[in-house]
C-alpha atoms as a PDB file:
ATOM      1  CA  MET A   1      36.563  59.931  24.679  1.00  0.00           C
ATOM      2  CA  GLU A   2      35.822  56.507  25.941  1.00  0.00           C
ATOM      3  CA  ILE A   3      33.397  54.168  24.131  1.00  0.00           C
ATOM      4  CA  SER A   4      31.475  51.720  26.258  1.00  0.00           C
ATOM      5  CA  GLN A   5      31.664  48.143  25.005  1.00  0.00           C
ATOM      6  CA  GLU A   6      28.816  46.866  27.167  1.00  0.00           C
ATOM      7  CA  LYS A   7      26.046  45.022  25.386  1.00  0.00           C
ATOM      8  CA  SER A   8      22.635  46.078  26.415  1.00  0.00           C
ATOM      9  CA  VAL A   9      20.104  43.259  26.736  1.00  0.00           C
ATOM     10  CA  LEU A  10      16.712  44.034  25.321  1.00  0.00           C
ATOM     11  CA  VAL A  11      13.848  43.035  27.569  1.00  0.00           C
ATOM     12  CA  THR A  12      10.104  42.770  27.120  1.00  0.00           C
ATOM     13  CA  ALA A  13       7.541  44.716  29.145  1.00  0.00           C
ATOM     14  CA  ASP A  14       7.477  42.008  31.833  1.00  0.00           C
ATOM     15  CA  GLY A  15      11.274  42.037  32.165  1.00  0.00           C
ATOM     16  CA  THR A  16      12.041  38.785  30.313  1.00  0.00           C
ATOM     17  CA  PRO A  17      14.954  38.934  27.893  1.00  0.00           C
ATOM     18  CA  LEU A  18      13.716  39.393  24.331  1.00  0.00           C
ATOM     19  CA  LYS A  19      15.644  36.366  23.022  1.00  0.00           C
ATOM     20  CA  ILE A  20      13.898  34.014  25.492  1.00  0.00           C
ATOM     21  CA  SER A  21      10.502  35.566  24.839  1.00  0.00           C
ATOM     22  CA  LEU A  22      10.893  35.150  21.055  1.00  0.00           C
ATOM     23  CA  ALA A  23      11.959  31.506  21.479  1.00  0.00           C
ATOM     24  CA  ARG A  24       8.808  30.812  23.533  1.00  0.00           C
ATOM     25  CA  ALA A  25       6.600  32.499  20.933  1.00  0.00           C
ATOM     26  CA  GLN A  26       8.166  30.496  18.094  1.00  0.00           C
ATOM     27  CA  ARG A  27       7.766  27.245  20.026  1.00  0.00           C
ATOM     28  CA  ARG A  28       4.082  28.060  20.674  1.00  0.00           C
ATOM     29  CA  SER A  29       3.493  28.847  16.987  1.00  0.00           C
ATOM     30  CA  LYS A  30       5.139  25.561  15.944  1.00  0.00           C
ATOM     31  CA  ILE A  31       2.904  23.628  18.352  1.00  0.00           C
ATOM     32  CA  VAL A  32      -0.195  25.384  17.009  1.00  0.00           C
ATOM     33  CA  ALA A  33       0.857  24.691  13.400  1.00  0.00           C
ATOM     34  CA  PHE A  34       1.483  21.011  14.168  1.00  0.00           C
ATOM     35  CA  SER A  35      -1.851  20.675  15.949  1.00  0.00           C
ATOM     36  CA  MET A  36      -3.565  22.098  12.854  1.00  0.00           C
ATOM     37  CA  VAL A  37      -1.820  19.568  10.573  1.00  0.00           C
ATOM     38  CA  LEU A  38      -2.325  16.596  12.927  1.00  0.00           C
ATOM     39  CA  PRO A  39      -5.857  15.695  11.676  1.00  0.00           C
ATOM     40  CA  LEU A  40      -4.527  15.541   8.104  1.00  0.00           C
ATOM     41  CA  LEU A  41      -1.677  13.264   9.176  1.00  0.00           C
ATOM     42  CA  ILE A  42      -4.136  10.968  10.965  1.00  0.00           C
ATOM     43  CA  PHE A  43      -6.354  10.890   7.855  1.00  0.00           C
ATOM     44  CA  ILE A  44      -3.385   9.972   5.636  1.00  0.00           C
ATOM     45  CA  LEU A  45      -2.383   7.231   8.065  1.00  0.00           C
ATOM     46  CA  ILE A  46      -5.866   5.716   8.139  1.00  0.00           C
ATOM     47  CA  ALA A  47      -6.766   6.174   4.474  1.00  0.00           C
ATOM     48  CA  PHE A  48      -3.464   5.326   2.809  1.00  0.00           C
ATOM     49  CA  LEU A  49      -0.718   3.850   4.931  1.00  0.00           C
ATOM     50  CA  ILE A  50      -2.747   1.197   6.769  1.00  0.00           C
ATOM     51  CA  PRO A  51      -4.317  -0.233   3.563  1.00  0.00           C
ATOM     52  CA  ILE A  52      -0.935  -0.220   1.813  1.00  0.00           C
ATOM     53  CA  ALA A  53       0.647  -2.057   4.744  1.00  0.00           C
ATOM     54  CA  ASP A  54      -2.220  -4.553   4.674  1.00  0.00           C
ATOM     55  CA  MET A  55      -1.745  -5.194   0.939  1.00  0.00           C
ATOM     56  CA  LEU A  56       1.993  -5.630   1.412  1.00  0.00           C
ATOM     57  CA  SER A  57       1.452  -8.157   4.192  1.00  0.00           C
ATOM     58  CA  LEU A  58      -0.993 -10.100   1.997  1.00  0.00           C
ATOM     59  CA  SER A  59       1.481 -10.095  -0.882  1.00  0.00           C
ATOM     60  CA  VAL A  60       4.067 -11.759   1.336  1.00  0.00           C
ATOM     61  CA  ASP A  61       1.843 -14.200   3.230  1.00  0.00           C
ATOM     62  CA  ASN A  62      -1.377 -15.230   1.549  1.00  0.00           C
ATOM     63  CA  SER A  63      -2.783 -18.250   3.354  1.00  0.00           C
ATOM     64  CA  ILE A  64      -5.620 -18.635   0.840  1.00  0.00           C
ATOM     65  CA  THR A  65      -3.139 -20.026  -1.706  1.00  0.00           C
ATOM     66  CA  GLN A  66      -3.138 -23.354   0.147  1.00  0.00           C
ATOM     67  CA  GLU A  67      -6.891 -23.630  -0.379  1.00  0.00           C
ATOM     68  CA  ILE A  68      -6.874 -22.606  -4.041  1.00  0.00           C
ATOM     69  CA  LEU A  69      -3.733 -24.413  -5.259  1.00  0.00           C
ATOM     70  CA  PRO A  70      -3.153 -27.319  -2.832  1.00  0.00           C
ATOM     71  CA  LYS A  71      -1.154 -29.539  -5.238  1.00  0.00           C
ATOM     72  CA  SER A  72       1.160 -26.684  -6.204  1.00  0.00           C
ATOM     73  CA  VAL A  73       1.820 -25.817  -2.560  1.00  0.00           C
ATOM     74  CA  ILE A  74       2.671 -29.441  -1.756  1.00  0.00           C
ATOM     75  CA  ALA A  75       4.976 -29.644  -4.789  1.00  0.00           C
ATOM     76  CA  LEU A  76       6.717 -26.386  -3.819  1.00  0.00           C
ATOM     77  CA  GLN A  77       7.583 -27.692  -0.337  1.00  0.00           C
ATOM     78  CA  ASN A  78      10.448 -29.755  -1.816  1.00  0.00           C
ATOM     79  CA  TRP A  79      11.936 -26.764  -3.662  1.00  0.00           C
ATOM     80  CA  ASP A  80      14.943 -24.961  -2.192  1.00  0.00           C
ATOM     81  CA  GLU A  81      14.478 -21.337  -3.199  1.00  0.00           C
ATOM     82  CA  ALA A  82      17.936 -20.409  -1.917  1.00  0.00           C
ATOM     83  CA  SER A  83      19.520 -22.670  -4.544  1.00  0.00           C
ATOM     84  CA  GLY A  84      18.828 -20.117  -7.251  1.00  0.00           C
ATOM     85  CA  GLU A  85      17.322 -22.766  -9.517  1.00  0.00           C
ATOM     86  CA  LEU A  86      13.781 -22.951 -10.836  1.00  0.00           C
ATOM     87  CA  PRO A  87      11.393 -25.431  -9.232  1.00  0.00           C
ATOM     88  CA  ASP A  88      11.129 -28.948 -10.653  1.00  0.00           C
ATOM     89  CA  GLU A  89       8.824 -29.774 -13.533  1.00  0.00           C
ATOM     90  CA  VAL A  90       6.447 -31.398 -11.020  1.00  0.00           C
ATOM     91  CA  VAL A  91       5.609 -27.945  -9.607  1.00  0.00           C
ATOM     92  CA  PHE A  92       4.765 -26.534 -13.018  1.00  0.00           C
ATOM     93  CA  ALA A  93       2.702 -29.614 -13.903  1.00  0.00           C
ATOM     94  CA  ALA A  94       0.683 -29.273 -10.692  1.00  0.00           C
ATOM     95  CA  MET A  95       0.102 -25.578 -11.386  1.00  0.00           C
ATOM     96  CA  VAL A  96      -1.046 -26.265 -14.959  1.00  0.00           C
ATOM     97  CA  GLU A  97      -3.367 -29.026 -13.758  1.00  0.00           C
ATOM     98  CA  GLU A  98      -4.995 -26.744 -11.199  1.00  0.00           C
ATOM     99  CA  ILE A  99      -5.341 -23.888 -13.681  1.00  0.00           C
ATOM    100  CA  LYS A 100      -6.902 -26.220 -16.272  1.00  0.00           C
ATOM    101  CA  LYS A 101      -9.351 -27.367 -13.622  1.00  0.00           C
ATOM    102  CA  ALA A 102     -10.636 -23.786 -13.468  1.00  0.00           C
ATOM    103  CA  LYS A 103     -11.022 -23.389 -17.241  1.00  0.00           C
ATOM    104  CA  GLU A 104     -14.251 -21.537 -18.017  1.00  0.00           C
ATOM    105  CA  THR A 105     -15.931 -19.670 -20.848  1.00  0.00           C
ATOM    106  CA  GLY A 106     -17.963 -16.523 -20.625  1.00  0.00           C
ATOM    107  CA  ASP A 107     -19.202 -13.430 -22.387  1.00  0.00           C
ATOM    108  CA  GLY A 108     -15.678 -12.218 -23.057  1.00  0.00           C
ATOM    109  CA  PRO A 109     -12.325 -12.569 -21.296  1.00  0.00           C
ATOM    110  CA  VAL A 110     -13.302 -10.633 -18.159  1.00  0.00           C
ATOM    111  CA  ASP A 111     -16.387 -12.768 -17.537  1.00  0.00           C
ATOM    112  CA  ALA A 112     -14.392 -15.959 -18.146  1.00  0.00           C
ATOM    113  CA  THR A 113     -11.689 -14.814 -15.731  1.00  0.00           C
ATOM    114  CA  PHE A 114     -14.247 -14.063 -13.025  1.00  0.00           C
ATOM    115  CA  LYS A 115     -15.821 -17.498 -13.540  1.00  0.00           C
ATOM    116  CA  CYS A 116     -12.393 -19.158 -13.209  1.00  0.00           C
ATOM    117  CA  ILE A 117     -11.662 -17.304  -9.995  1.00  0.00           C
ATOM    118  CA  LYS A 118     -15.092 -18.221  -8.647  1.00  0.00           C
ATOM    119  CA  LYS A 119     -14.503 -21.875  -9.529  1.00  0.00           C
ATOM    120  CA  LEU A 120     -11.164 -21.921  -7.721  1.00  0.00           C
ATOM    121  CA  TYR A 121     -12.351 -19.857  -4.779  1.00  0.00           C
ATOM    122  CA  PRO A 122     -16.141 -19.729  -4.303  1.00  0.00           C
ATOM    123  CA  HIS A 123     -17.297 -16.257  -3.283  1.00  0.00           C
ATOM    124  CA  ASP A 124     -20.254 -13.877  -3.609  1.00  0.00           C
ATOM    125  CA  VAL A 125     -18.494 -11.037  -5.434  1.00  0.00           C
ATOM    126  CA  LYS A 126     -20.242  -9.738  -8.538  1.00  0.00           C
ATOM    127  CA  LEU A 127     -18.770  -7.451 -11.199  1.00  0.00           C
ATOM    128  CA  GLN A 128     -20.996  -4.371 -11.215  1.00  0.00           C
ATOM    129  CA  LEU A 129     -19.562  -2.433 -14.135  1.00  0.00           C
ATOM    130  CA  TYR A 130     -16.970  -3.069 -16.818  1.00  0.00           C
ATOM    131  CA  GLN A 131     -16.295  -0.439 -19.477  1.00  0.00           C
ATOM    132  CA  VAL A 132     -13.897  -0.239 -22.399  1.00  0.00           C
ATOM    133  CA  HIS A 133     -13.011   3.161 -23.834  1.00  0.00           C
ATOM    134  CA  ALA A 134     -11.215   3.797 -27.112  1.00  0.00           C
ATOM    135  CA  VAL A 135      -7.838   5.442 -26.711  1.00  0.00           C
ATOM    136  CA  THR A 136      -7.975   7.134 -30.100  1.00  0.00           C
ATOM    137  CA  GLU A 137     -10.782   8.591 -32.187  1.00  0.00           C
ATOM    138  CA  GLY A 138     -12.166   6.711 -35.136  1.00  0.00           C
ATOM    139  CA  THR A 139     -13.512   3.268 -35.880  1.00  0.00           C
ATOM    140  CA  ASP A 140     -10.316   1.245 -35.514  1.00  0.00           C
ATOM    141  CA  ALA A 141     -11.181   0.080 -31.990  1.00  0.00           C
END
């Protein structure tokens, strides 16, 4: 008895090999799945990644500092940050002078802080709501 070693290729109804037909079907299902997830990816990009990138760029280059702390910026121009040493005492004195210039009082520390910021950088922002909640129960707050 002789056993045939030929491999039979399975085909679909239209005559295409089954392996090729399955690969096409899987590719189509992956494209459909990706197209269903695409709106979510766009939402994440717009709602999260763009604002985070904007905040990171402002943390590196904030041009408003020159308006708010002009003496400190001028004093820092002579400092070599690559030296690994702290800036001169002149820089710290200029910073203290500019911070003292903004000294304010208010109805608590938050109000005083907002008044200081407004004095340094005039703006129309108003604090709408400020709440303090006790972390523990009882009257020790």
